[in-house]
Amino acid sequence: MVEADELRAGDRPRGVNTSGTTAVLVDAGLGAKELRETVEAHAQARIDHDLARFASYMTPQALVILNRQSAGVPQSPSRFSVIDLTTNEERGRGAVRFDGGGSYVMESEWQRVGAGWTIVRADIDHASIRFPWWHRLMRRRRAPLPVERKELE
């Protein structure tokens, strides 16, 4: 990776992140801009709680797998950031961090279908799941509910 300080304005190589953010966009062909816009629109659908629009970017198989993995994930994110994005002409990979009321990273594999992009695989990085301190405290303080016993006759 080339450092931003070493580059002058006119000779920034394609795919090098010089903005100081964590997102890295590697463009090995056409379609990187379209993929980034699609990834951001998909993440915005999650923020807006528009599950129909969120699901419309995914294959049914990817949606089922993501649904199985979503147990224990913070459910009300309020913002997102694209933290990694790579693409070639037909396939791409992305990682989006969702924050607000906890955080997690969703990694996805994209494939060009017709004129657009579709998620063919999505995973939640369970090591990235973070809850606010007060949520963790409340989980520890919860006492198990007493089990109601039935008398046998």
Protein backbone atom coordinates (compact mmCIF):
# COMPACT_ATOMS: atom_id res chain seq x y z
CA MET A 1 0.00 0.00 0.00
CA VAL A 2 1.37 3.39 -0.96
CA GLU A 3 1.30 6.07 1.72
CA ALA A 4 -0.80 9.15 0.93
CA ASP A 5 2.06 11.51 1.85
CA GLU A 6 4.21 9.98 -0.90
CA LEU A 7 1.67 10.81 -3.61
CA ARG A 8 1.11 14.05 -5.42
CA ALA A 9 -2.43 14.93 -6.48
CA GLY A 10 -1.96 13.94 -10.13
CA ASP A 11 -0.32 10.55 -9.69
CA ARG A 12 -2.54 8.63 -7.31
CA PRO A 13 -2.68 5.04 -8.55
CA ARG A 14 -6.11 3.49 -8.98
CA GLY A 15 -7.35 1.55 -5.98
CA VAL A 16 -5.19 3.26 -3.37
CA ASN A 17 -6.93 4.72 -0.37
CA THR A 18 -5.62 8.19 0.30
CA SER A 19 -8.57 9.67 2.16
CA GLY A 20 -7.56 8.57 5.65
CA THR A 21 -10.70 6.47 6.11
CA THR A 22 -10.70 2.73 6.70
CA ALA A 23 -12.44 1.88 3.42
CA VAL A 24 -10.24 0.47 0.70
CA LEU A 25 -11.58 0.20 -2.83
CA VAL A 26 -9.60 -1.94 -5.21
CA ASP A 27 -10.81 -1.63 -8.79
CA ALA A 28 -9.41 -4.29 -11.08
CA GLY A 29 -11.93 -3.48 -13.77
CA LEU A 30 -15.15 -1.64 -14.46
CA GLY A 31 -17.99 -1.60 -11.97
CA ALA A 32 -16.32 -0.51 -8.73
CA LYS A 33 -18.34 2.69 -8.51
CA GLU A 34 -21.58 0.82 -9.19
CA LEU A 35 -20.70 -1.84 -6.62
CA ARG A 36 -19.92 0.79 -3.97
CA GLU A 37 -23.24 2.54 -4.63
CA THR A 38 -25.07 -0.80 -4.41
CA VAL A 39 -23.31 -1.78 -1.16
CA GLU A 40 -24.20 1.61 0.35
CA ALA A 41 -27.83 1.34 -0.80
CA HIS A 42 -28.05 -2.16 0.70
CA ALA A 43 -26.63 -0.95 4.02
CA GLN A 44 -28.97 2.07 4.01
CA ALA A 45 -31.93 -0.30 3.60
CA ARG A 46 -30.80 -2.04 6.81
CA ILE A 47 -30.54 1.30 8.62
CA ASP A 48 -34.02 2.29 7.37
CA HIS A 49 -35.46 -1.08 8.56
CA ASP A 50 -36.70 -1.66 5.02
CA LEU A 51 -36.37 -5.43 5.03
CA ALA A 52 -37.98 -5.89 1.62
CA ARG A 53 -35.43 -3.59 -0.01
CA PHE A 54 -32.61 -5.15 2.07
CA ALA A 55 -33.61 -8.64 0.89
CA SER A 56 -34.02 -7.55 -2.73
CA TYR A 57 -30.23 -7.27 -3.08
CA MET A 58 -29.72 -10.91 -2.02
CA THR A 59 -30.23 -14.36 -3.45
CA PRO A 60 -32.69 -16.50 -1.44
CA GLN A 61 -29.84 -18.78 -0.30
CA ALA A 62 -27.79 -15.85 0.99
CA LEU A 63 -30.81 -14.46 2.81
CA VAL A 64 -31.50 -17.77 4.56
CA ILE A 65 -27.88 -18.11 5.69
CA LEU A 66 -27.77 -14.52 6.95
CA ASN A 67 -31.06 -15.00 8.80
CA ARG A 68 -29.65 -18.04 10.61
CA GLN A 69 -26.58 -16.07 11.68
CA SER A 70 -28.43 -13.00 12.89
CA ALA A 71 -29.31 -14.34 16.36
CA GLY A 72 -27.51 -12.24 18.95
CA VAL A 73 -26.77 -9.38 16.57
CA PRO A 74 -27.71 -5.79 17.54
CA GLN A 75 -31.01 -5.15 15.77
CA SER A 76 -31.28 -1.37 15.47
CA PRO A 77 -28.20 0.10 13.80
CA SER A 78 -28.33 3.82 13.11
CA ARG A 79 -25.28 4.23 10.85
CA PHE A 80 -22.92 2.23 8.69
CA SER A 81 -19.50 2.47 7.12
CA VAL A 82 -18.05 0.50 4.25
CA ILE A 83 -14.77 -0.79 5.65
CA ASP A 84 -13.59 -2.97 2.78
CA LEU A 85 -14.57 -3.30 -0.86
CA THR A 86 -12.80 -5.17 -3.65
CA THR A 87 -14.06 -5.98 -7.10
CA ASN A 88 -13.23 -7.22 -10.54
CA GLU A 89 -15.58 -7.05 -13.51
CA GLU A 90 -17.95 -9.84 -12.40
CA ARG A 91 -17.43 -10.48 -8.66
CA GLY A 92 -16.84 -8.39 -5.59
CA ARG A 93 -16.41 -8.61 -1.82
CA GLY A 94 -17.49 -6.08 0.74
CA ALA A 95 -17.49 -5.55 4.48
CA VAL A 96 -19.85 -3.10 6.18
CA ARG A 97 -19.77 -2.12 9.86
CA PHE A 98 -23.17 -1.31 11.34
CA ASP A 99 -23.13 0.85 14.49
CA GLY A 100 -25.65 2.23 16.96
CA GLY A 101 -27.00 0.28 19.92
CA GLY A 102 -24.09 -2.09 19.38
CA SER A 103 -22.03 -2.91 16.33
CA TYR A 104 -21.17 -5.75 14.00
CA VAL A 105 -19.56 -6.39 10.62
CA MET A 106 -21.40 -8.01 7.73
CA GLU A 107 -19.16 -9.47 5.04
CA SER A 108 -20.65 -10.18 1.64
CA GLU A 109 -19.76 -11.63 -1.73
CA TRP A 110 -21.36 -9.90 -4.70
CA GLN A 111 -21.86 -11.07 -8.26
CA ARG A 112 -22.84 -9.02 -11.28
CA VAL A 113 -26.26 -10.14 -12.50
CA GLY A 114 -27.38 -8.36 -15.64
CA ALA A 115 -26.79 -4.65 -15.12
CA GLY A 116 -26.75 -4.82 -11.31
CA TRP A 117 -25.05 -6.51 -8.38
CA THR A 118 -26.50 -9.25 -6.13
CA ILE A 119 -25.24 -10.75 -2.87
CA VAL A 120 -24.55 -14.45 -3.33
CA ARG A 121 -23.14 -14.98 0.16
CA ALA A 122 -23.35 -12.96 3.37
CA ASP A 123 -21.78 -13.66 6.75
CA ILE A 124 -21.78 -11.88 10.07
CA ASP A 125 -18.37 -11.77 11.69
CA HIS A 126 -19.38 -12.88 15.19
CA ALA A 127 -16.02 -11.79 16.61
CA SER A 128 -16.97 -8.22 15.63
CA ILE A 129 -20.25 -8.09 17.61
CA ARG A 130 -20.13 -5.44 20.32
CA PHE A 131 -22.90 -4.31 22.64
CA PRO A 132 -22.95 -1.12 24.74
CA TRP A 133 -21.62 -1.45 28.28
CA TRP A 134 -25.08 -1.07 29.80
CA HIS A 135 -26.43 -3.92 27.67
CA ARG A 136 -23.64 -6.23 28.84
CA LEU A 137 -24.31 -5.20 32.45
CA MET A 138 -28.04 -5.94 32.16
CA ARG A 139 -27.32 -9.37 30.73
CA ARG A 140 -25.16 -10.28 33.73
CA ARG A 141 -27.68 -9.07 36.29
CA ARG A 142 -30.59 -11.06 34.94
CA ALA A 143 -31.44 -13.87 37.28
CA PRO A 144 -32.79 -17.06 35.79
CA LEU A 145 -36.52 -17.41 36.09
CA PRO A 146 -37.63 -19.94 38.68
CA VAL A 147 -38.93 -23.14 37.22
CA GLU A 148 -42.52 -23.85 38.15
CA ARG A 149 -42.78 -27.30 39.61
CA LYS A 150 -45.83 -29.42 39.27
CA GLU A 151 -46.78 -31.77 42.04
CA LEU A 152 -47.16 -35.34 40.98
CA GLU A 153 -50.23 -37.12 42.24
